[in-house]
């Protein structure tokens, strides 16, 4: 059961523990500002790498039949 919980919940318990300790040290408003800035920073970091991720993932999805292979060259009809 603990493996299922860790897979489903992930690192949330550790993040909550960290946020609680940070709120105790610097206060709740500043903790929310720091957490918000971390979320924005993570989203920006992910956005800058999205094209690279998409380029690596698209062939795998096409091989599995999830997406059509849109970047294939058209076949010559003879």
PDB file of N, CA and C in Angstrom:
ATOM      1  N   UNK A   1       0.819  -1.193   0.000  1.00  0.00           N
ATOM      2  CA  UNK A   1       0.000   0.000   0.000  1.00  0.00           C
ATOM      3  C   UNK A   1       0.863   1.257   0.000  1.00  0.00           C
ATOM      4  N   UNK A   2       1.983   1.203   0.671  1.00  0.00           N
ATOM      5  CA  UNK A   2       2.837   2.392   0.732  1.00  0.00           C
ATOM      6  C   UNK A   2       3.455   2.711  -0.631  1.00  0.00           C
ATOM      7  N   UNK A   3       3.741   1.675  -1.438  1.00  0.00           N
ATOM      8  CA  UNK A   3       4.259   1.934  -2.786  1.00  0.00           C
ATOM      9  C   UNK A   3       3.199   2.613  -3.650  1.00  0.00           C
ATOM     10  N   UNK A   4       1.967   2.150  -3.534  1.00  0.00           N
ATOM     11  CA  UNK A   4       0.871   2.764  -4.278  1.00  0.00           C
ATOM     12  C   UNK A   4       0.683   4.215  -3.856  1.00  0.00           C
ATOM     13  N   UNK A   5       0.726   4.466  -2.569  1.00  0.00           N
ATOM     14  CA  UNK A   5       0.551   5.829  -2.075  1.00  0.00           C
ATOM     15  C   UNK A   5       1.670   6.733  -2.573  1.00  0.00           C
ATOM     16  N   UNK A   6       2.897   6.259  -2.542  1.00  0.00           N
ATOM     17  CA  UNK A   6       4.023   7.071  -3.000  1.00  0.00           C
ATOM     18  C   UNK A   6       3.932   7.318  -4.502  1.00  0.00           C
ATOM     19  N   UNK A   7       3.479   6.331  -5.276  1.00  0.00           N
ATOM     20  CA  UNK A   7       3.334   6.510  -6.716  1.00  0.00           C
ATOM     21  C   UNK A   7       2.195   7.470  -7.031  1.00  0.00           C
ATOM     22  N   UNK A   8       1.119   7.388  -6.259  1.00  0.00           N
ATOM     23  CA  UNK A   8      -0.053   8.230  -6.534  1.00  0.00           C
ATOM     24  C   UNK A   8       0.145   9.656  -6.026  1.00  0.00           C
ATOM     25  N   UNK A   9       0.673   9.797  -4.843  1.00  0.00           N
ATOM     26  CA  UNK A   9       0.805  11.110  -4.216  1.00  0.00           C
ATOM     27  C   UNK A   9       2.144  11.750  -4.565  1.00  0.00           C
ATOM     28  N   UNK A  10       3.162  10.958  -4.779  1.00  0.00           N
ATOM     29  CA  UNK A  10       4.468  11.481  -5.160  1.00  0.00           C
ATOM     30  C   UNK A  10       5.168  12.174  -4.012  1.00  0.00           C
ATOM     31  N   UNK A  11       5.706  13.327  -4.289  1.00  0.00           N
ATOM     32  CA  UNK A  11       6.492  14.057  -3.306  1.00  0.00           C
ATOM     33  C   UNK A  11       5.670  15.080  -2.535  1.00  0.00           C
ATOM     34  N   UNK A  12       4.368  15.058  -2.659  1.00  0.00           N
ATOM     35  CA  UNK A  12       3.506  16.036  -1.999  1.00  0.00           C
ATOM     36  C   UNK A  12       3.724  16.075  -0.485  1.00  0.00           C
ATOM     37  N   UNK A  13       3.827  14.930   0.203  1.00  0.00           N
ATOM     38  CA  UNK A  13       4.036  15.016   1.652  1.00  0.00           C
ATOM     39  C   UNK A  13       5.316  15.752   2.033  1.00  0.00           C
ATOM     40  N   UNK A  14       6.379  15.549   1.258  1.00  0.00           N
ATOM     41  CA  UNK A  14       7.635  16.233   1.558  1.00  0.00           C
ATOM     42  C   UNK A  14       7.534  17.720   1.252  1.00  0.00           C
ATOM     43  N   UNK A  15       6.841  18.067   0.172  1.00  0.00           N
ATOM     44  CA  UNK A  15       6.638  19.472  -0.153  1.00  0.00           C
ATOM     45  C   UNK A  15       5.794  20.178   0.897  1.00  0.00           C
ATOM     46  N   UNK A  16       4.784  19.483   1.410  1.00  0.00           N
ATOM     47  CA  UNK A  16       3.951  20.057   2.458  1.00  0.00           C
ATOM     48  C   UNK A  16       4.754  20.267   3.736  1.00  0.00           C
ATOM     49  N   UNK A  17       5.598  19.311   4.058  1.00  0.00           N
ATOM     50  CA  UNK A  17       6.452  19.435   5.231  1.00  0.00           C
ATOM     51  C   UNK A  17       7.401  20.620   5.079  1.00  0.00           C
ATOM     52  N   UNK A  18       7.986  20.762   3.892  1.00  0.00           N
ATOM     53  CA  UNK A  18       8.890  21.884   3.629  1.00  0.00           C
ATOM     54  C   UNK A  18       8.145  23.212   3.702  1.00  0.00           C
ATOM     55  N   UNK A  19       6.958  23.271   3.103  1.00  0.00           N
ATOM     56  CA  UNK A  19       6.182  24.506   3.125  1.00  0.00           C
ATOM     57  C   UNK A  19       5.779  24.877   4.551  1.00  0.00           C
ATOM     58  N   UNK A  20       5.430  23.879   5.359  1.00  0.00           N
ATOM     59  CA  UNK A  20       5.086  24.149   6.750  1.00  0.00           C
ATOM     60  C   UNK A  20       6.266  24.681   7.535  1.00  0.00           C
ATOM     61  N   UNK A  21       7.438  24.095   7.311  1.00  0.00           N
ATOM     62  CA  UNK A  21       8.642  24.571   8.000  1.00  0.00           C
ATOM     63  C   UNK A  21       9.002  25.979   7.544  1.00  0.00           C
ATOM     64  N   UNK A  22       8.856  26.235   6.253  1.00  0.00           N
ATOM     65  CA  UNK A  22       9.143  27.571   5.731  1.00  0.00           C
ATOM     66  C   UNK A  22       8.156  28.596   6.274  1.00  0.00           C
ATOM     67  N   UNK A  23       6.883  28.225   6.353  1.00  0.00           N
ATOM     68  CA  UNK A  23       5.877  29.134   6.900  1.00  0.00           C
ATOM     69  C   UNK A  23       6.146  29.417   8.369  1.00  0.00           C
ATOM     70  N   UNK A  24       6.615  28.431   9.091  1.00  0.00           N
ATOM     71  CA  UNK A  24       6.950  28.644  10.503  1.00  0.00           C
ATOM     72  C   UNK A  24       8.135  29.596  10.635  1.00  0.00           C
ATOM     73  N   UNK A  25       9.082  29.517   9.687  1.00  0.00           N
ATOM     74  CA  UNK A  25      10.290  30.341   9.767  1.00  0.00           C
ATOM     75  C   UNK A  25      10.072  31.771   9.276  1.00  0.00           C
ATOM     76  N   UNK A  26       9.348  31.941   8.164  1.00  0.00           N
ATOM     77  CA  UNK A  26       9.244  33.284   7.566  1.00  0.00           C
ATOM     78  C   UNK A  26       7.826  33.822   7.508  1.00  0.00           C
ATOM     79  N   UNK A  27       6.841  33.003   7.819  1.00  0.00           N
ATOM     80  CA  UNK A  27       5.451  33.457   7.776  1.00  0.00           C
ATOM     81  C   UNK A  27       4.729  32.919   6.548  1.00  0.00           C
ATOM     82  N   UNK A  28       3.410  32.812   6.688  1.00  0.00           N
ATOM     83  CA  UNK A  28       2.593  32.231   5.619  1.00  0.00           C
ATOM     84  C   UNK A  28       2.556  33.080   4.351  1.00  0.00           C
ATOM     85  N   UNK A  29       2.387  34.412   4.430  1.00  0.00           N
ATOM     86  CA  UNK A  29       2.325  35.192   3.188  1.00  0.00           C
ATOM     87  C   UNK A  29       3.604  35.080   2.340  1.00  0.00           C
ATOM     88  N   UNK A  30       4.756  35.175   2.998  1.00  0.00           N
ATOM     89  CA  UNK A  30       6.015  35.071   2.252  1.00  0.00           C
ATOM     90  C   UNK A  30       6.203  33.667   1.690  1.00  0.00           C
ATOM     91  N   UNK A  31       5.744  32.654   2.422  1.00  0.00           N
ATOM     92  CA  UNK A  31       5.817  31.278   1.923  1.00  0.00           C
ATOM     93  C   UNK A  31       4.988  31.111   0.663  1.00  0.00           C
ATOM     94  N   UNK A  32       3.785  31.688   0.634  1.00  0.00           N
ATOM     95  CA  UNK A  32       2.953  31.603  -0.573  1.00  0.00           C
ATOM     96  C   UNK A  32       3.592  32.327  -1.749  1.00  0.00           C
ATOM     97  N   UNK A  33       4.238  33.447  -1.495  1.00  0.00           N
ATOM     98  CA  UNK A  33       4.931  34.180  -2.567  1.00  0.00           C
ATOM     99  C   UNK A  33       6.086  33.334  -3.115  1.00  0.00           C
ATOM    100  N   UNK A  34       6.866  32.738  -2.218  1.00  0.00           N
ATOM    101  CA  UNK A  34       7.998  31.901  -2.648  1.00  0.00           C
ATOM    102  C   UNK A  34       7.502  30.697  -3.436  1.00  0.00           C
ATOM    103  N   UNK A  35       6.441  30.034  -2.932  1.00  0.00           N
ATOM    104  CA  UNK A  35       5.886  28.879  -3.640  1.00  0.00           C
ATOM    105  C   UNK A  35       5.341  29.270  -5.013  1.00  0.00           C
ATOM    106  N   UNK A  36       4.687  30.397  -5.098  1.00  0.00           N
ATOM    107  CA  UNK A  36       4.172  30.883  -6.379  1.00  0.00           C
ATOM    108  C   UNK A  36       5.287  31.175  -7.368  1.00  0.00           C
ATOM    109  N   UNK A  37       6.361  31.802  -6.880  1.00  0.00           N
ATOM    110  CA  UNK A  37       7.508  32.080  -7.755  1.00  0.00           C
ATOM    111  C   UNK A  37       8.172  30.788  -8.229  1.00  0.00           C
ATOM    112  N   UNK A  38       8.220  29.792  -7.356  1.00  0.00           N
ATOM    113  CA  UNK A  38       8.771  28.492  -7.763  1.00  0.00           C
ATOM    114  C   UNK A  38       7.912  27.852  -8.848  1.00  0.00           C
ATOM    115  N   UNK A  39       6.586  27.955  -8.716  1.00  0.00           N
ATOM    116  CA  UNK A  39       5.681  27.404  -9.735  1.00  0.00           C
ATOM    117  C   UNK A  39       5.845  28.127 -11.071  1.00  0.00           C
ATOM    118  N   UNK A  40       5.933  29.440 -11.025  1.00  0.00           N
ATOM    119  CA  UNK A  40       6.129  30.218 -12.256  1.00  0.00           C
ATOM    120  C   UNK A  40       7.475  29.882 -12.886  1.00  0.00           C
ATOM    121  N   UNK A  41       8.518  29.778 -12.061  1.00  0.00           N
ATOM    122  CA  UNK A  41       9.844  29.414 -12.575  1.00  0.00           C
ATOM    123  C   UNK A  41       9.850  28.033 -13.202  1.00  0.00           C
ATOM    124  N   UNK A  42       9.180  27.073 -12.573  1.00  0.00           N
ATOM    125  CA  UNK A  42       9.103  25.727 -13.140  1.00  0.00           C
ATOM    126  C   UNK A  42       8.345  25.706 -14.451  1.00  0.00           C
ATOM    127  N   UNK A  43       7.262  26.484 -14.537  1.00  0.00           N
ATOM    128  CA  UNK A  43       6.480  26.545 -15.768  1.00  0.00           C
ATOM    129  C   UNK A  43       7.297  27.182 -16.892  1.00  0.00           C
ATOM    130  N   UNK A  44       8.048  28.220 -16.594  1.00  0.00           N
ATOM    131  CA  UNK A  44       8.890  28.862 -17.610  1.00  0.00           C
ATOM    132  C   UNK A  44      10.009  27.925 -18.066  1.00  0.00           C
ATOM    133  N   UNK A  45      10.607  27.208 -17.121  1.00  0.00           N
ATOM    134  CA  UNK A  45      11.657  26.252 -17.470  1.00  0.00           C
ATOM    135  C   UNK A  45      11.103  25.166 -18.385  1.00  0.00           C
ATOM    136  N   UNK A  46       9.922  24.646 -18.048  1.00  0.00           N
ATOM    137  CA  UNK A  46       9.291  23.624 -18.871  1.00  0.00           C
ATOM    138  C   UNK A  46       8.942  24.170 -20.250  1.00  0.00           C
ATOM    139  N   UNK A  47       8.440  25.400 -20.308  1.00  0.00           N
ATOM    140  CA  UNK A  47       8.041  25.993 -21.587  1.00  0.00           C
ATOM    141  C   UNK A  47       9.229  26.165 -22.523  1.00  0.00           C
ATOM    142  N   UNK A  48      10.411  26.457 -21.982  1.00  0.00           N
ATOM    143  CA  UNK A  48      11.586  26.627 -22.839  1.00  0.00           C
ATOM    144  C   UNK A  48      12.064  25.307 -23.415  1.00  0.00           C
ATOM    145  N   UNK A  49      11.700  24.195 -22.809  1.00  0.00           N
ATOM    146  CA  UNK A  49      12.136  22.882 -23.273  1.00  0.00           C
ATOM    147  C   UNK A  49      11.035  22.078 -23.956  1.00  0.00           C
ATOM    148  N   UNK A  50       9.901  22.681 -24.167  1.00  0.00           N
ATOM    149  CA  UNK A  50       8.757  21.973 -24.712  1.00  0.00           C
ATOM    150  C   UNK A  50       8.996  21.479 -26.136  1.00  0.00           C
ATOM    151  N   UNK A  51       9.638  22.281 -26.981  1.00  0.00           N
ATOM    152  CA  UNK A  51       9.908  21.845 -28.355  1.00  0.00           C
ATOM    153  C   UNK A  51      10.821  20.628 -28.382  1.00  0.00           C
ATOM    154  N   UNK A  52      11.832  20.627 -27.535  1.00  0.00           N
ATOM    155  CA  UNK A  52      12.746  19.494 -27.477  1.00  0.00           C
ATOM    156  C   UNK A  52      12.028  18.242 -26.974  1.00  0.00           C
ATOM    157  N   UNK A  53      11.208  18.399 -25.970  1.00  0.00           N
ATOM    158  CA  UNK A  53      10.443  17.261 -25.439  1.00  0.00           C
ATOM    159  C   UNK A  53       9.506  16.727 -26.505  1.00  0.00           C
ATOM    160  N   UNK A  54       8.817  17.618 -27.194  1.00  0.00           N
ATOM    161  CA  UNK A  54       7.880  17.206 -28.232  1.00  0.00           C
ATOM    162  C   UNK A  54       8.608  16.480 -29.363  1.00  0.00           C
ATOM    163  N   UNK A  55       9.801  16.961 -29.733  1.00  0.00           N
ATOM    164  CA  UNK A  55      10.570  16.329 -30.801  1.00  0.00           C
ATOM    165  C   UNK A  55      10.985  14.905 -30.425  1.00  0.00           C
ATOM    166  N   UNK A  56      11.267  14.669 -29.153  1.00  0.00           N
ATOM    167  CA  UNK A  56      11.673  13.336 -28.707  1.00  0.00           C
ATOM    168  C   UNK A  56      10.476  12.413 -28.495  1.00  0.00           C
ATOM    169  N   UNK A  57       9.362  12.946 -28.080  1.00  0.00           N
ATOM    170  CA  UNK A  57       8.199  12.129 -27.730  1.00  0.00           C
ATOM    171  C   UNK A  57       7.347  11.778 -28.954  1.00  0.00           C
ATOM    172  N   UNK A  58       7.271  12.643 -29.936  1.00  0.00           N
ATOM    173  CA  UNK A  58       6.386  12.432 -31.082  1.00  0.00           C
ATOM    174  C   UNK A  58       6.648  11.113 -31.811  1.00  0.00           C
ATOM    175  N   UNK A  59       7.895  10.750 -32.114  1.00  0.00           N
ATOM    176  CA  UNK A  59       8.108   9.449 -32.778  1.00  0.00           C
ATOM    177  C   UNK A  59       7.656   8.259 -31.935  1.00  0.00           C
ATOM    178  N   UNK A  60       7.811   8.358 -30.635  1.00  0.00           N
ATOM    179  CA  UNK A  60       7.374   7.266 -29.761  1.00  0.00           C
ATOM    180  C   UNK A  60       5.860   7.135 -29.817  1.00  0.00           C
ATOM    181  N   UNK A  61       5.152   8.266 -29.739  1.00  0.00           N
ATOM    182  CA  UNK A  61       3.691   8.241 -29.818  1.00  0.00           C
ATOM    183  C   UNK A  61       3.223   7.738 -31.177  1.00  0.00           C
ATOM    184  N   UNK A  62       3.932   8.106 -32.252  1.00  0.00           N
ATOM    185  CA  UNK A  62       3.562   7.643 -33.585  1.00  0.00           C
ATOM    186  C   UNK A  62       3.770   6.132 -33.701  1.00  0.00           C
ATOM    187  N   UNK A  63       4.851   5.629 -33.123  1.00  0.00           N
ATOM    188  CA  UNK A  63       5.125   4.189 -33.159  1.00  0.00           C
ATOM    189  C   UNK A  63       4.061   3.403 -32.397  1.00  0.00           C
ATOM    190  N   UNK A  64       3.563   3.979 -31.315  1.00  0.00           N
ATOM    191  CA  UNK A  64       2.518   3.321 -30.534  1.00  0.00           C
ATOM    192  C   UNK A  64       1.134   3.487 -31.143  1.00  0.00           C
ATOM    193  N   UNK A  65       1.019   4.332 -32.171  1.00  0.00           N
ATOM    194  CA  UNK A  65      -0.260   4.553 -32.830  1.00  0.00           C
ATOM    195  C   UNK A  65      -1.125   5.584 -32.139  1.00  0.00           C
ATOM    196  N   UNK A  66      -0.555   6.326 -31.215  1.00  0.00           N
ATOM    197  CA  UNK A  66      -1.317   7.350 -30.496  1.00  0.00           C
ATOM    198  C   UNK A  66      -1.498   8.590 -31.371  1.00  0.00           C
ATOM    199  N   UNK A  67      -0.456   8.948 -32.104  1.00  0.00           N
ATOM    200  CA  UNK A  67      -0.500  10.103 -32.998  1.00  0.00           C
ATOM    201  C   UNK A  67      -0.091   9.676 -34.397  1.00  0.00           C
ATOM    202  N   UNK A  68      -0.632  10.327 -35.423  1.00  0.00           N
ATOM    203  CA  UNK A  68      -0.124  10.055 -36.771  1.00  0.00           C
ATOM    204  C   UNK A  68       1.263  10.666 -36.918  1.00  0.00           C
ATOM    205  N   UNK A  69       2.083  10.041 -37.718  1.00  0.00           N
ATOM    206  CA  UNK A  69       3.429  10.569 -37.936  1.00  0.00           C
ATOM    207  C   UNK A  69       3.330  11.709 -38.940  1.00  0.00           C
ATOM    208  N   UNK A  70       3.157  12.928 -38.456  1.00  0.00           N
ATOM    209  CA  UNK A  70       2.899  14.090 -39.302  1.00  0.00           C
ATOM    210  C   UNK A  70       4.146  14.579 -40.008  1.00  0.00           C
ATOM    211  N   UNK A  71       5.322  14.189 -39.536  1.00  0.00           N
ATOM    212  CA  UNK A  71       6.547  14.721 -40.105  1.00  0.00           C
ATOM    213  C   UNK A  71       7.161  13.798 -41.146  1.00  0.00           C
ATOM    214  N   UNK A  72       6.430  12.788 -41.572  1.00  0.00           N
ATOM    215  CA  UNK A  72       6.931  11.899 -42.620  1.00  0.00           C
ATOM    216  C   UNK A  72       6.888  12.612 -43.968  1.00  0.00           C
ATOM    217  N   UNK A  73       7.835  12.267 -44.821  1.00  0.00           N
ATOM    218  CA  UNK A  73       7.818  12.797 -46.182  1.00  0.00           C
ATOM    219  C   UNK A  73       6.720  12.080 -46.963  1.00  0.00           C
ATOM    220  N   UNK A  74       6.045  12.805 -47.838  1.00  0.00           N
ATOM    221  CA  UNK A  74       4.993  12.161 -48.626  1.00  0.00           C
ATOM    222  C   UNK A  74       5.561  11.043 -49.512  1.00  0.00           C
ATOM    223  N   UNK A  75       4.803   9.976 -49.682  1.00  0.00           N
ATOM    224  CA  UNK A  75       5.239   8.846 -50.501  1.00  0.00           C
ATOM    225  C   UNK A  75       5.036   9.168 -51.971  1.00  0.00           C
ATOM    226  N   UNK A  76       5.992   8.758 -52.810  1.00  0.00           N
ATOM    227  CA  UNK A  76       5.875   8.954 -54.243  1.00  0.00           C
ATOM    228  C   UNK A  76       4.947   7.881 -54.827  1.00  0.00           C
ATOM    229  N   UNK A  77       4.045   8.314 -55.670  1.00  0.00           N
ATOM    230  CA  UNK A  77       3.146   7.382 -56.336  1.00  0.00           C
ATOM    231  C   UNK A  77       3.696   7.173 -57.734  1.00  0.00           C
ATOM    232  N   UNK A  78       3.967   5.901 -58.085  1.00  0.00           N
ATOM    233  CA  UNK A  78       4.523   5.610 -59.416  1.00  0.00           C
ATOM    234  C   UNK A  78       3.523   4.932 -60.281  1.00  0.00           C
TER     235      UNK A  78
END
